[in-house]
N, C-alpha and C. Protein backbone atom coordinates (compact mmCIF):
# COMPACT_ATOMS: atom_id res chain seq x y z
N MET A 1 -44.66 41.06 -6.64
CA MET A 1 -43.43 40.51 -6.07
C MET A 1 -42.22 41.13 -6.76
N LYS A 2 -41.33 41.69 -5.99
CA LYS A 2 -40.13 42.32 -6.55
C LYS A 2 -39.15 41.24 -6.99
N SER A 3 -38.60 41.41 -8.20
CA SER A 3 -37.67 40.42 -8.74
C SER A 3 -36.33 40.50 -8.04
N LYS A 4 -35.78 39.32 -7.68
CA LYS A 4 -34.46 39.24 -7.06
C LYS A 4 -33.40 39.02 -8.13
N GLY A 5 -33.80 38.47 -9.26
CA GLY A 5 -32.89 38.09 -10.31
C GLY A 5 -33.50 36.90 -11.02
N LEU A 6 -33.10 36.65 -12.25
CA LEU A 6 -33.75 35.65 -13.09
C LEU A 6 -33.79 34.27 -12.45
N TYR A 7 -32.67 33.81 -11.91
CA TYR A 7 -32.61 32.48 -11.32
C TYR A 7 -32.95 32.50 -9.83
N GLN A 8 -32.60 33.59 -9.16
CA GLN A 8 -32.93 33.69 -7.74
C GLN A 8 -34.43 33.68 -7.50
N ASP A 9 -35.18 34.26 -8.45
CA ASP A 9 -36.64 34.28 -8.31
C ASP A 9 -37.21 32.87 -8.21
N PHE A 10 -36.55 31.92 -8.87
CA PHE A 10 -37.01 30.54 -8.78
C PHE A 10 -36.43 29.82 -7.58
N PHE A 11 -35.11 29.74 -7.52
CA PHE A 11 -34.47 28.89 -6.52
C PHE A 11 -34.58 29.41 -5.09
N LEU A 12 -34.85 30.70 -4.92
CA LEU A 12 -35.01 31.25 -3.57
C LEU A 12 -36.47 31.52 -3.23
N HIS A 13 -37.37 31.10 -4.11
CA HIS A 13 -38.80 31.26 -3.82
C HIS A 13 -39.18 30.35 -2.65
N PHE A 14 -39.94 30.89 -1.70
CA PHE A 14 -40.24 30.15 -0.47
C PHE A 14 -40.89 28.81 -0.74
N ASP A 15 -41.90 28.79 -1.63
CA ASP A 15 -42.60 27.54 -1.90
C ASP A 15 -41.68 26.50 -2.55
N ILE A 16 -40.77 26.94 -3.41
CA ILE A 16 -39.82 26.03 -4.04
C ILE A 16 -38.86 25.47 -3.00
N LEU A 17 -38.40 26.31 -2.09
CA LEU A 17 -37.49 25.85 -1.03
C LEU A 17 -38.17 24.82 -0.14
N VAL A 18 -39.41 25.07 0.23
CA VAL A 18 -40.14 24.13 1.09
C VAL A 18 -40.31 22.79 0.39
N MET A 19 -40.77 22.82 -0.87
CA MET A 19 -40.97 21.57 -1.59
C MET A 19 -39.64 20.86 -1.86
N GLY A 20 -38.58 21.62 -2.03
CA GLY A 20 -37.25 21.03 -2.21
C GLY A 20 -36.81 20.27 -0.97
N ILE A 21 -37.07 20.83 0.19
CA ILE A 21 -36.73 20.16 1.46
C ILE A 21 -37.54 18.89 1.62
N ILE A 22 -38.84 18.97 1.31
CA ILE A 22 -39.70 17.79 1.42
C ILE A 22 -39.20 16.68 0.49
N PHE A 23 -38.83 17.05 -0.74
CA PHE A 23 -38.29 16.07 -1.68
C PHE A 23 -37.02 15.42 -1.12
N ALA A 24 -36.11 16.24 -0.62
CA ALA A 24 -34.83 15.72 -0.11
C ALA A 24 -35.05 14.73 1.03
N LEU A 25 -35.95 15.07 1.94
CA LEU A 25 -36.22 14.17 3.08
C LEU A 25 -36.79 12.84 2.60
N GLY A 26 -37.78 12.90 1.71
CA GLY A 26 -38.40 11.67 1.21
C GLY A 26 -37.44 10.83 0.39
N PHE A 27 -36.63 11.48 -0.44
CA PHE A 27 -35.68 10.76 -1.29
C PHE A 27 -34.58 10.11 -0.46
N ILE A 28 -34.02 10.83 0.50
CA ILE A 28 -32.95 10.29 1.33
C ILE A 28 -33.45 9.11 2.15
N TYR A 29 -34.66 9.26 2.72
CA TYR A 29 -35.20 8.16 3.54
C TYR A 29 -35.47 6.92 2.72
N SER A 30 -36.06 7.08 1.55
CA SER A 30 -36.47 5.91 0.77
C SER A 30 -35.36 5.39 -0.12
N VAL A 31 -34.93 6.17 -1.07
CA VAL A 31 -33.92 5.72 -2.03
C VAL A 31 -32.53 5.69 -1.40
N GLY A 32 -32.25 6.66 -0.52
CA GLY A 32 -30.93 6.71 0.10
C GLY A 32 -30.71 5.64 1.15
N PHE A 33 -31.62 5.52 2.10
CA PHE A 33 -31.45 4.60 3.23
C PHE A 33 -32.03 3.22 3.01
N HIS A 34 -33.02 3.11 2.11
CA HIS A 34 -33.69 1.82 1.92
C HIS A 34 -33.75 1.44 0.44
N PHE A 35 -32.64 1.65 -0.25
CA PHE A 35 -32.65 1.40 -1.69
C PHE A 35 -32.95 -0.06 -2.03
N SER A 36 -33.81 -0.23 -3.01
CA SER A 36 -34.07 -1.52 -3.65
C SER A 36 -34.65 -1.18 -5.01
N TRP A 37 -34.70 -2.19 -5.90
CA TRP A 37 -35.28 -1.93 -7.22
C TRP A 37 -36.76 -1.60 -7.12
N ALA A 38 -37.42 -2.18 -6.11
CA ALA A 38 -38.85 -1.89 -5.91
C ALA A 38 -39.03 -0.42 -5.50
N VAL A 39 -38.16 0.05 -4.61
CA VAL A 39 -38.22 1.45 -4.18
C VAL A 39 -37.97 2.38 -5.36
N LEU A 40 -36.98 2.06 -6.18
CA LEU A 40 -36.67 2.88 -7.35
C LEU A 40 -37.84 2.88 -8.33
N LEU A 41 -38.46 1.73 -8.53
CA LEU A 41 -39.60 1.63 -9.44
C LEU A 41 -40.76 2.48 -8.95
N ILE A 42 -41.02 2.45 -7.65
CA ILE A 42 -42.11 3.25 -7.09
C ILE A 42 -41.80 4.74 -7.19
N PHE A 43 -40.53 5.09 -7.01
CA PHE A 43 -40.11 6.49 -7.17
C PHE A 43 -40.42 6.97 -8.59
N ILE A 44 -40.08 6.14 -9.57
CA ILE A 44 -40.36 6.48 -10.97
C ILE A 44 -41.87 6.54 -11.21
N ALA A 45 -42.61 5.65 -10.56
CA ALA A 45 -44.08 5.67 -10.68
C ALA A 45 -44.64 7.00 -10.17
N GLY A 46 -44.03 7.53 -9.11
CA GLY A 46 -44.45 8.83 -8.59
C GLY A 46 -44.23 9.94 -9.60
N LEU A 47 -43.10 9.88 -10.30
CA LEU A 47 -42.82 10.86 -11.35
C LEU A 47 -43.90 10.81 -12.43
N VAL A 48 -44.19 9.62 -12.92
CA VAL A 48 -45.16 9.44 -14.00
C VAL A 48 -46.56 9.84 -13.55
N PHE A 49 -46.91 9.47 -12.33
CA PHE A 49 -48.25 9.78 -11.84
C PHE A 49 -48.45 11.29 -11.74
N PHE A 50 -47.40 12.00 -11.32
CA PHE A 50 -47.54 13.46 -11.25
C PHE A 50 -47.77 14.04 -12.65
N MET A 51 -47.04 13.54 -13.64
CA MET A 51 -47.21 14.06 -15.00
C MET A 51 -48.65 13.87 -15.47
N PHE A 52 -49.22 12.71 -15.14
CA PHE A 52 -50.62 12.44 -15.51
C PHE A 52 -51.56 13.35 -14.74
N SER A 53 -51.36 13.49 -13.43
CA SER A 53 -52.25 14.31 -12.61
C SER A 53 -52.11 15.78 -12.97
N GLU A 54 -50.90 16.19 -13.38
CA GLU A 54 -50.68 17.57 -13.83
C GLU A 54 -51.59 17.89 -15.01
N TYR A 55 -51.64 16.98 -15.97
CA TYR A 55 -52.48 17.19 -17.15
C TYR A 55 -53.96 17.21 -16.78
N VAL A 56 -54.39 16.22 -16.01
CA VAL A 56 -55.81 16.11 -15.64
C VAL A 56 -56.26 17.32 -14.82
N THR A 57 -55.43 17.72 -13.86
CA THR A 57 -55.78 18.86 -13.01
C THR A 57 -55.85 20.15 -13.82
N HIS A 58 -54.87 20.35 -14.68
CA HIS A 58 -54.83 21.57 -15.49
C HIS A 58 -56.05 21.64 -16.41
N ARG A 59 -56.36 20.54 -17.04
CA ARG A 59 -57.45 20.55 -18.02
C ARG A 59 -58.83 20.59 -17.37
N PHE A 60 -59.05 19.77 -16.34
CA PHE A 60 -60.41 19.59 -15.84
C PHE A 60 -60.73 20.35 -14.55
N LEU A 61 -59.72 20.85 -13.84
CA LEU A 61 -59.98 21.67 -12.65
C LEU A 61 -59.63 23.13 -12.90
N PHE A 62 -58.40 23.38 -13.32
CA PHE A 62 -57.96 24.76 -13.49
C PHE A 62 -58.73 25.49 -14.59
N HIS A 63 -59.27 24.73 -15.55
CA HIS A 63 -59.99 25.35 -16.66
C HIS A 63 -61.50 25.11 -16.58
N LEU A 64 -61.99 24.88 -15.39
CA LEU A 64 -63.44 24.79 -15.21
C LEU A 64 -64.10 26.09 -15.64
N LYS A 65 -65.31 25.96 -16.16
CA LYS A 65 -66.09 27.16 -16.46
C LYS A 65 -66.37 27.89 -15.14
N VAL A 66 -66.61 29.17 -15.22
CA VAL A 66 -66.73 30.01 -14.03
C VAL A 66 -67.83 29.48 -13.10
N PRO A 67 -67.46 29.14 -11.85
CA PRO A 67 -68.46 28.62 -10.91
C PRO A 67 -69.28 29.76 -10.29
N LYS A 68 -70.47 29.43 -9.82
CA LYS A 68 -71.32 30.43 -9.18
C LYS A 68 -70.88 30.69 -7.75
N ASN A 69 -70.32 29.68 -7.11
CA ASN A 69 -69.84 29.85 -5.74
C ASN A 69 -68.65 30.80 -5.71
N GLN A 70 -68.77 31.88 -4.97
CA GLN A 70 -67.75 32.92 -4.96
C GLN A 70 -66.45 32.47 -4.31
N LEU A 71 -66.54 31.62 -3.31
CA LEU A 71 -65.32 31.12 -2.67
C LEU A 71 -64.54 30.23 -3.62
N PHE A 72 -65.25 29.37 -4.35
CA PHE A 72 -64.59 28.51 -5.33
C PHE A 72 -64.03 29.34 -6.47
N LEU A 73 -64.74 30.39 -6.88
CA LEU A 73 -64.26 31.28 -7.92
C LEU A 73 -62.97 31.97 -7.46
N LYS A 74 -62.94 32.40 -6.21
CA LYS A 74 -61.73 33.04 -5.68
C LYS A 74 -60.56 32.08 -5.72
N PHE A 75 -60.82 30.81 -5.39
CA PHE A 75 -59.78 29.77 -5.45
C PHE A 75 -59.26 29.62 -6.88
N LEU A 76 -60.16 29.50 -7.85
CA LEU A 76 -59.75 29.30 -9.24
C LEU A 76 -59.01 30.53 -9.78
N LYS A 77 -59.43 31.71 -9.35
CA LYS A 77 -58.73 32.92 -9.78
C LYS A 77 -57.28 32.90 -9.29
N ARG A 78 -57.10 32.53 -8.05
CA ARG A 78 -55.73 32.52 -7.52
C ARG A 78 -54.90 31.38 -8.11
N ILE A 79 -55.53 30.22 -8.27
CA ILE A 79 -54.76 29.05 -8.69
C ILE A 79 -54.48 29.06 -10.19
N HIS A 80 -55.37 29.73 -11.01
CA HIS A 80 -55.10 29.69 -12.45
C HIS A 80 -55.71 30.81 -13.29
N TYR A 81 -56.94 31.20 -13.05
CA TYR A 81 -57.58 32.20 -13.91
C TYR A 81 -56.71 33.46 -14.04
N ASP A 82 -56.28 33.99 -12.90
CA ASP A 82 -55.52 35.24 -12.92
C ASP A 82 -54.16 35.07 -13.59
N HIS A 83 -53.63 33.86 -13.55
CA HIS A 83 -52.35 33.60 -14.21
C HIS A 83 -52.50 33.77 -15.73
N HIS A 84 -53.64 33.42 -16.27
CA HIS A 84 -53.86 33.61 -17.71
C HIS A 84 -54.01 35.10 -18.04
N THR A 85 -54.58 35.86 -17.13
CA THR A 85 -54.75 37.29 -17.35
C THR A 85 -53.42 38.04 -17.19
N TYR A 86 -52.63 37.61 -16.21
CA TYR A 86 -51.32 38.24 -15.95
C TYR A 86 -50.23 37.16 -15.96
N PRO A 87 -49.92 36.63 -17.14
CA PRO A 87 -49.02 35.46 -17.22
C PRO A 87 -47.59 35.71 -16.76
N GLU A 88 -47.16 36.97 -16.67
CA GLU A 88 -45.79 37.25 -16.25
C GLU A 88 -45.69 37.61 -14.77
N ASP A 89 -46.81 37.63 -14.07
CA ASP A 89 -46.82 38.02 -12.66
C ASP A 89 -46.22 36.90 -11.81
N LEU A 90 -45.11 37.19 -11.14
CA LEU A 90 -44.43 36.17 -10.35
C LEU A 90 -45.29 35.64 -9.22
N LYS A 91 -46.17 36.47 -8.67
CA LYS A 91 -47.01 36.03 -7.56
C LYS A 91 -47.95 34.91 -7.97
N LEU A 92 -48.25 34.84 -9.27
CA LEU A 92 -49.21 33.85 -9.77
C LEU A 92 -48.55 32.71 -10.52
N LEU A 93 -47.22 32.71 -10.57
CA LEU A 93 -46.51 31.75 -11.41
C LEU A 93 -46.36 30.37 -10.76
N PHE A 94 -46.24 30.35 -9.43
CA PHE A 94 -45.99 29.09 -8.72
C PHE A 94 -47.26 28.58 -8.04
N LEU A 95 -47.39 27.26 -7.97
CA LEU A 95 -48.48 26.68 -7.19
C LEU A 95 -48.17 26.90 -5.71
N PRO A 96 -49.11 27.47 -4.95
CA PRO A 96 -48.84 27.73 -3.53
C PRO A 96 -48.78 26.44 -2.72
N ILE A 97 -47.97 26.44 -1.68
CA ILE A 97 -47.82 25.22 -0.87
C ILE A 97 -49.12 24.86 -0.16
N TRP A 98 -50.00 25.83 0.07
CA TRP A 98 -51.28 25.49 0.68
C TRP A 98 -52.14 24.65 -0.25
N TYR A 99 -51.79 24.65 -1.53
CA TYR A 99 -52.46 23.78 -2.49
C TYR A 99 -51.67 22.49 -2.69
N SER A 100 -50.37 22.60 -2.91
CA SER A 100 -49.54 21.44 -3.27
C SER A 100 -49.42 20.42 -2.15
N ILE A 101 -49.11 20.88 -0.95
CA ILE A 101 -48.86 19.94 0.15
C ILE A 101 -50.09 19.10 0.49
N PRO A 102 -51.29 19.69 0.66
CA PRO A 102 -52.47 18.86 0.94
C PRO A 102 -52.79 17.87 -0.18
N ASN A 103 -52.64 18.30 -1.44
CA ASN A 103 -52.98 17.42 -2.55
C ASN A 103 -51.99 16.26 -2.68
N LEU A 104 -50.70 16.56 -2.64
CA LEU A 104 -49.72 15.48 -2.74
C LEU A 104 -49.75 14.63 -1.48
N GLY A 105 -50.01 15.27 -0.34
CA GLY A 105 -50.12 14.51 0.91
C GLY A 105 -51.28 13.53 0.86
N ALA A 106 -52.40 13.94 0.29
CA ALA A 106 -53.56 13.04 0.18
C ALA A 106 -53.24 11.84 -0.70
N LEU A 107 -52.50 12.07 -1.79
CA LEU A 107 -52.10 10.96 -2.66
C LEU A 107 -51.20 9.98 -1.91
N CYS A 108 -50.31 10.52 -1.08
CA CYS A 108 -49.41 9.66 -0.32
C CYS A 108 -50.17 8.85 0.73
N ILE A 109 -51.17 9.48 1.35
CA ILE A 109 -51.98 8.76 2.33
C ILE A 109 -52.73 7.61 1.67
N ILE A 110 -53.31 7.87 0.51
CA ILE A 110 -54.01 6.82 -0.23
C ILE A 110 -53.04 5.70 -0.59
N PHE A 111 -51.84 6.08 -1.05
CA PHE A 111 -50.83 5.09 -1.42
C PHE A 111 -50.44 4.25 -0.20
N TYR A 112 -50.29 4.89 0.96
CA TYR A 112 -49.91 4.16 2.17
C TYR A 112 -51.02 3.21 2.60
N LEU A 113 -52.26 3.64 2.50
CA LEU A 113 -53.38 2.78 2.88
C LEU A 113 -53.44 1.53 2.00
N ILE A 114 -53.00 1.66 0.75
CA ILE A 114 -52.99 0.53 -0.18
C ILE A 114 -51.81 -0.40 0.10
N THR A 115 -50.63 0.18 0.34
CA THR A 115 -49.40 -0.62 0.45
C THR A 115 -49.03 -0.97 1.88
N GLN A 116 -49.45 -0.13 2.85
CA GLN A 116 -49.06 -0.30 4.25
C GLN A 116 -47.52 -0.32 4.39
N ASN A 117 -46.85 0.46 3.53
CA ASN A 117 -45.38 0.45 3.53
C ASN A 117 -44.88 1.89 3.50
N LEU A 118 -44.22 2.31 4.60
CA LEU A 118 -43.76 3.69 4.72
C LEU A 118 -42.64 4.01 3.73
N THR A 119 -41.74 3.06 3.51
CA THR A 119 -40.62 3.30 2.60
C THR A 119 -41.11 3.51 1.17
N LEU A 120 -42.00 2.64 0.72
CA LEU A 120 -42.54 2.79 -0.63
C LEU A 120 -43.35 4.07 -0.76
N THR A 121 -44.08 4.43 0.29
CA THR A 121 -44.85 5.67 0.27
C THR A 121 -43.93 6.88 0.18
N SER A 122 -42.82 6.84 0.90
CA SER A 122 -41.84 7.94 0.83
C SER A 122 -41.24 8.05 -0.56
N ALA A 123 -40.97 6.90 -1.19
CA ALA A 123 -40.43 6.90 -2.55
C ALA A 123 -41.44 7.47 -3.53
N PHE A 124 -42.69 7.06 -3.38
CA PHE A 124 -43.75 7.58 -4.25
C PHE A 124 -43.91 9.08 -4.07
N GLY A 125 -43.92 9.52 -2.81
CA GLY A 125 -44.04 10.95 -2.52
C GLY A 125 -42.87 11.75 -3.05
N ALA A 126 -41.67 11.19 -2.92
CA ALA A 126 -40.48 11.88 -3.44
C ALA A 126 -40.57 12.03 -4.95
N GLY A 127 -41.07 11.01 -5.63
CA GLY A 127 -41.27 11.11 -7.08
C GLY A 127 -42.27 12.18 -7.44
N LEU A 128 -43.37 12.24 -6.70
CA LEU A 128 -44.38 13.28 -6.93
C LEU A 128 -43.78 14.67 -6.78
N VAL A 129 -43.05 14.86 -5.69
CA VAL A 129 -42.53 16.20 -5.40
C VAL A 129 -41.43 16.59 -6.38
N LEU A 130 -40.57 15.64 -6.76
CA LEU A 130 -39.54 15.97 -7.73
C LEU A 130 -40.17 16.41 -9.05
N MET A 131 -41.22 15.72 -9.48
CA MET A 131 -41.85 16.09 -10.74
C MET A 131 -42.59 17.41 -10.61
N LEU A 132 -43.10 17.70 -9.41
CA LEU A 132 -43.69 19.02 -9.16
C LEU A 132 -42.63 20.11 -9.37
N LEU A 133 -41.43 19.87 -8.85
CA LEU A 133 -40.36 20.85 -9.00
C LEU A 133 -39.95 21.01 -10.46
N VAL A 134 -39.94 19.89 -11.20
CA VAL A 134 -39.66 19.96 -12.64
C VAL A 134 -40.75 20.77 -13.34
N TYR A 135 -41.99 20.48 -12.98
CA TYR A 135 -43.13 21.24 -13.53
C TYR A 135 -42.97 22.73 -13.26
N GLU A 136 -42.64 23.08 -12.01
CA GLU A 136 -42.49 24.48 -11.65
C GLU A 136 -41.37 25.14 -12.46
N TRP A 137 -40.27 24.41 -12.66
CA TRP A 137 -39.16 24.97 -13.43
C TRP A 137 -39.54 25.17 -14.89
N LYS A 138 -40.18 24.16 -15.49
CA LYS A 138 -40.61 24.28 -16.88
C LYS A 138 -41.59 25.44 -17.05
N HIS A 139 -42.48 25.58 -16.08
CA HIS A 139 -43.46 26.66 -16.12
C HIS A 139 -42.77 28.01 -15.98
N TYR A 140 -41.81 28.08 -15.08
CA TYR A 140 -41.06 29.32 -14.87
C TYR A 140 -40.31 29.71 -16.14
N VAL A 141 -39.64 28.75 -16.75
CA VAL A 141 -38.87 29.00 -17.97
C VAL A 141 -39.79 29.48 -19.09
N ALA A 142 -40.99 28.93 -19.16
CA ALA A 142 -41.93 29.30 -20.22
C ALA A 142 -42.33 30.77 -20.15
N HIS A 143 -42.31 31.32 -18.94
CA HIS A 143 -42.78 32.69 -18.75
C HIS A 143 -41.68 33.70 -18.49
N ARG A 144 -40.45 33.25 -18.52
CA ARG A 144 -39.33 34.15 -18.24
C ARG A 144 -38.39 34.16 -19.45
N PRO A 145 -37.55 35.18 -19.57
CA PRO A 145 -36.64 35.27 -20.72
C PRO A 145 -35.46 34.32 -20.61
N ILE A 146 -35.79 33.03 -20.55
CA ILE A 146 -34.77 31.97 -20.48
C ILE A 146 -34.95 31.08 -21.70
N LYS A 147 -33.89 30.89 -22.47
CA LYS A 147 -33.96 30.04 -23.66
C LYS A 147 -33.47 28.64 -23.30
N PRO A 148 -34.35 27.65 -23.35
CA PRO A 148 -33.91 26.27 -23.07
C PRO A 148 -32.79 25.84 -24.01
N LYS A 149 -31.88 25.02 -23.49
CA LYS A 149 -30.72 24.61 -24.27
C LYS A 149 -31.03 23.47 -25.24
N THR A 150 -32.08 22.70 -24.96
CA THR A 150 -32.39 21.55 -25.81
C THR A 150 -33.57 21.84 -26.72
N LYS A 151 -33.63 21.10 -27.82
CA LYS A 151 -34.74 21.26 -28.76
C LYS A 151 -36.06 20.91 -28.09
N LEU A 152 -36.06 19.85 -27.27
CA LEU A 152 -37.27 19.45 -26.57
C LEU A 152 -37.71 20.54 -25.60
N GLY A 153 -36.75 21.12 -24.88
CA GLY A 153 -37.08 22.18 -23.95
C GLY A 153 -37.69 23.38 -24.64
N ARG A 154 -37.15 23.75 -25.79
CA ARG A 154 -37.69 24.87 -26.55
C ARG A 154 -39.09 24.56 -27.07
N HIS A 155 -39.30 23.30 -27.47
CA HIS A 155 -40.61 22.87 -27.96
C HIS A 155 -41.65 22.94 -26.84
N ILE A 156 -41.30 22.47 -25.65
CA ILE A 156 -42.23 22.50 -24.52
C ILE A 156 -42.58 23.93 -24.15
N LYS A 157 -41.58 24.81 -24.17
CA LYS A 157 -41.85 26.23 -23.88
C LYS A 157 -42.80 26.81 -24.91
N LYS A 158 -42.58 26.51 -26.17
CA LYS A 158 -43.44 27.03 -27.24
C LYS A 158 -44.88 26.57 -27.05
N LEU A 159 -45.07 25.30 -26.69
CA LEU A 159 -46.42 24.78 -26.51
C LEU A 159 -47.15 25.51 -25.39
N HIS A 160 -46.43 25.82 -24.31
CA HIS A 160 -47.09 26.51 -23.21
C HIS A 160 -47.44 27.95 -23.59
N ILE A 161 -46.58 28.58 -24.35
CA ILE A 161 -46.88 29.93 -24.84
C ILE A 161 -48.12 29.89 -25.74
N LEU A 162 -48.24 28.86 -26.56
CA LEU A 162 -49.43 28.71 -27.40
C LEU A 162 -50.69 28.55 -26.54
N HIS A 163 -50.58 27.81 -25.46
CA HIS A 163 -51.71 27.61 -24.55
C HIS A 163 -52.19 28.95 -24.00
N HIS A 164 -51.26 29.84 -23.70
CA HIS A 164 -51.61 31.13 -23.13
C HIS A 164 -52.07 32.15 -24.16
N PHE A 165 -51.47 32.15 -25.33
CA PHE A 165 -51.71 33.24 -26.26
C PHE A 165 -52.40 32.83 -27.57
N LYS A 166 -52.53 31.51 -27.81
CA LYS A 166 -53.21 31.03 -29.02
C LYS A 166 -54.59 30.47 -28.68
N ASN A 167 -54.61 29.46 -27.83
CA ASN A 167 -55.88 28.84 -27.49
C ASN A 167 -55.73 28.04 -26.20
N GLU A 168 -56.52 28.39 -25.19
CA GLU A 168 -56.41 27.77 -23.87
C GLU A 168 -56.98 26.36 -23.81
N ASN A 169 -57.57 25.88 -24.90
CA ASN A 169 -58.18 24.56 -24.91
C ASN A 169 -57.25 23.45 -25.42
N TYR A 170 -55.99 23.80 -25.62
CA TYR A 170 -55.00 22.83 -26.09
C TYR A 170 -53.69 23.03 -25.32
N TRP A 171 -52.80 22.06 -25.48
CA TRP A 171 -51.45 22.15 -24.92
C TRP A 171 -51.45 22.35 -23.40
N TYR A 172 -52.12 21.44 -22.70
CA TYR A 172 -52.22 21.55 -21.24
C TYR A 172 -50.95 21.10 -20.51
N GLY A 173 -50.18 20.23 -21.13
CA GLY A 173 -48.99 19.73 -20.46
C GLY A 173 -47.94 20.82 -20.32
N VAL A 174 -47.41 20.97 -19.11
CA VAL A 174 -46.37 21.97 -18.85
C VAL A 174 -45.00 21.31 -18.81
N SER A 175 -44.91 20.17 -18.15
CA SER A 175 -43.62 19.48 -18.05
C SER A 175 -43.39 18.51 -19.20
N THR A 176 -44.47 18.06 -19.83
CA THR A 176 -44.36 17.11 -20.93
C THR A 176 -45.59 17.18 -21.82
N PRO A 177 -45.44 17.00 -23.13
CA PRO A 177 -46.60 16.98 -24.03
C PRO A 177 -47.18 15.58 -24.22
N ILE A 178 -46.68 14.60 -23.50
CA ILE A 178 -47.07 13.20 -23.71
C ILE A 178 -48.58 13.02 -23.58
N PHE A 179 -49.16 13.54 -22.50
CA PHE A 179 -50.59 13.31 -22.26
C PHE A 179 -51.47 14.16 -23.18
N ASP A 180 -50.96 15.29 -23.64
CA ASP A 180 -51.68 16.02 -24.69
C ASP A 180 -51.80 15.14 -25.93
N GLY A 181 -50.69 14.46 -26.26
CA GLY A 181 -50.71 13.57 -27.41
C GLY A 181 -51.67 12.42 -27.23
N LEU A 182 -51.71 11.86 -26.02
CA LEU A 182 -52.59 10.72 -25.75
C LEU A 182 -54.06 11.10 -25.76
N PHE A 183 -54.38 12.31 -25.32
CA PHE A 183 -55.78 12.71 -25.14
C PHE A 183 -56.27 13.74 -26.16
N GLY A 184 -55.50 13.94 -27.23
CA GLY A 184 -56.00 14.72 -28.35
C GLY A 184 -55.91 16.23 -28.22
N THR A 185 -55.10 16.74 -27.30
CA THR A 185 -54.98 18.20 -27.14
C THR A 185 -53.60 18.71 -27.58
N LEU A 186 -52.87 17.86 -28.30
CA LEU A 186 -51.60 18.28 -28.89
C LEU A 186 -51.85 18.51 -30.38
N LYS A 187 -52.02 19.77 -30.75
CA LYS A 187 -52.39 20.11 -32.12
C LYS A 187 -51.31 20.93 -32.80
N ASP A 188 -51.30 20.87 -34.13
CA ASP A 188 -50.48 21.78 -34.91
C ASP A 188 -51.09 23.18 -34.77
N GLU A 189 -50.30 24.15 -34.39
CA GLU A 189 -50.83 25.49 -34.14
C GLU A 189 -51.57 26.06 -35.35
N LYS A 190 -51.20 25.63 -36.55
CA LYS A 190 -51.84 26.15 -37.76
C LYS A 190 -53.27 25.64 -37.91
N GLU A 191 -53.59 24.55 -37.21
CA GLU A 191 -54.93 23.97 -37.29
C GLU A 191 -55.87 24.49 -36.20
N VAL A 192 -55.34 25.34 -35.32
CA VAL A 192 -56.12 25.81 -34.18
C VAL A 192 -56.44 27.29 -34.31
N LYS A 193 -57.70 27.63 -34.15
CA LYS A 193 -58.11 29.04 -34.21
C LYS A 193 -57.66 29.77 -32.94
N THR A 194 -57.35 31.04 -33.10
CA THR A 194 -56.98 31.85 -31.95
C THR A 194 -58.21 32.12 -31.11
N SER A 195 -58.09 31.86 -29.81
CA SER A 195 -59.22 32.02 -28.90
C SER A 195 -59.27 33.45 -28.36
N ALA A 196 -60.47 33.97 -28.23
CA ALA A 196 -60.65 35.32 -27.68
C ALA A 196 -60.57 35.34 -26.16
N THR A 197 -60.58 34.15 -25.54
CA THR A 197 -60.62 34.10 -24.08
C THR A 197 -59.37 33.47 -23.47
N ALA A 198 -58.30 33.33 -24.26
CA ALA A 198 -57.08 32.72 -23.74
C ALA A 198 -56.51 33.51 -22.57
N LYS A 199 -56.70 34.82 -22.58
CA LYS A 199 -56.19 35.65 -21.49
C LYS A 199 -57.29 36.10 -20.53
N SER A 200 -58.49 35.56 -20.71
CA SER A 200 -59.60 35.95 -19.83
C SER A 200 -60.52 34.77 -19.63
N LEU A 201 -60.07 33.81 -18.84
CA LEU A 201 -60.82 32.57 -18.64
C LEU A 201 -62.20 32.82 -18.03
N GLU A 202 -62.36 33.92 -17.32
CA GLU A 202 -63.64 34.20 -16.69
C GLU A 202 -64.71 34.63 -17.69
N GLU A 203 -64.32 34.92 -18.91
CA GLU A 203 -65.28 35.37 -19.92
C GLU A 203 -65.78 34.24 -20.80
N ARG A 204 -65.31 33.02 -20.52
CA ARG A 204 -65.77 31.89 -21.36
C ARG A 204 -67.24 31.60 -21.10
N MET A 205 -67.94 31.25 -22.14
CA MET A 205 -69.36 30.93 -22.04
C MET A 205 -69.54 29.43 -21.83
């Protein structure tokens, strides 16, 4: 993918534009037109749930050991394996909408079946998508020559760089280290051995 410019590469990326539109529609419908404290609470719940699912998906799906099924292997290579091999490749930096939309859509369908409430479902979905966009931005910043302005932002970027170049078995959180801390994968880099397969997930035994 040819670079348009440091910030244009993110904000004009097709998948980011599509997810941005989906977020705007869901947020305007739920929080904008049907605001209540319950709607706001569910919106925040969507944010938190995405952070949790981001960690679980990254750790237990994206880092699966190499499957024998070639179609599934092709999926994992596109969704994550190849990103570890070519971490600066823009084509591999963003989650494709063919992955994001069905997965977040399925969560919204489940939420609607439980609540039977379209407004709350829209708020939940808007929270999911907003946190996806935050995730994408944090991930983009981690791999591009952008220096975060806050200490927390610089710390999060450092942790993701460690995940790629120190050891792929730690520091799974991209948007937040909270769940790494909760589940024991937030380590002091000095206590972690350098992995030989951090850039070649397909070679793990």
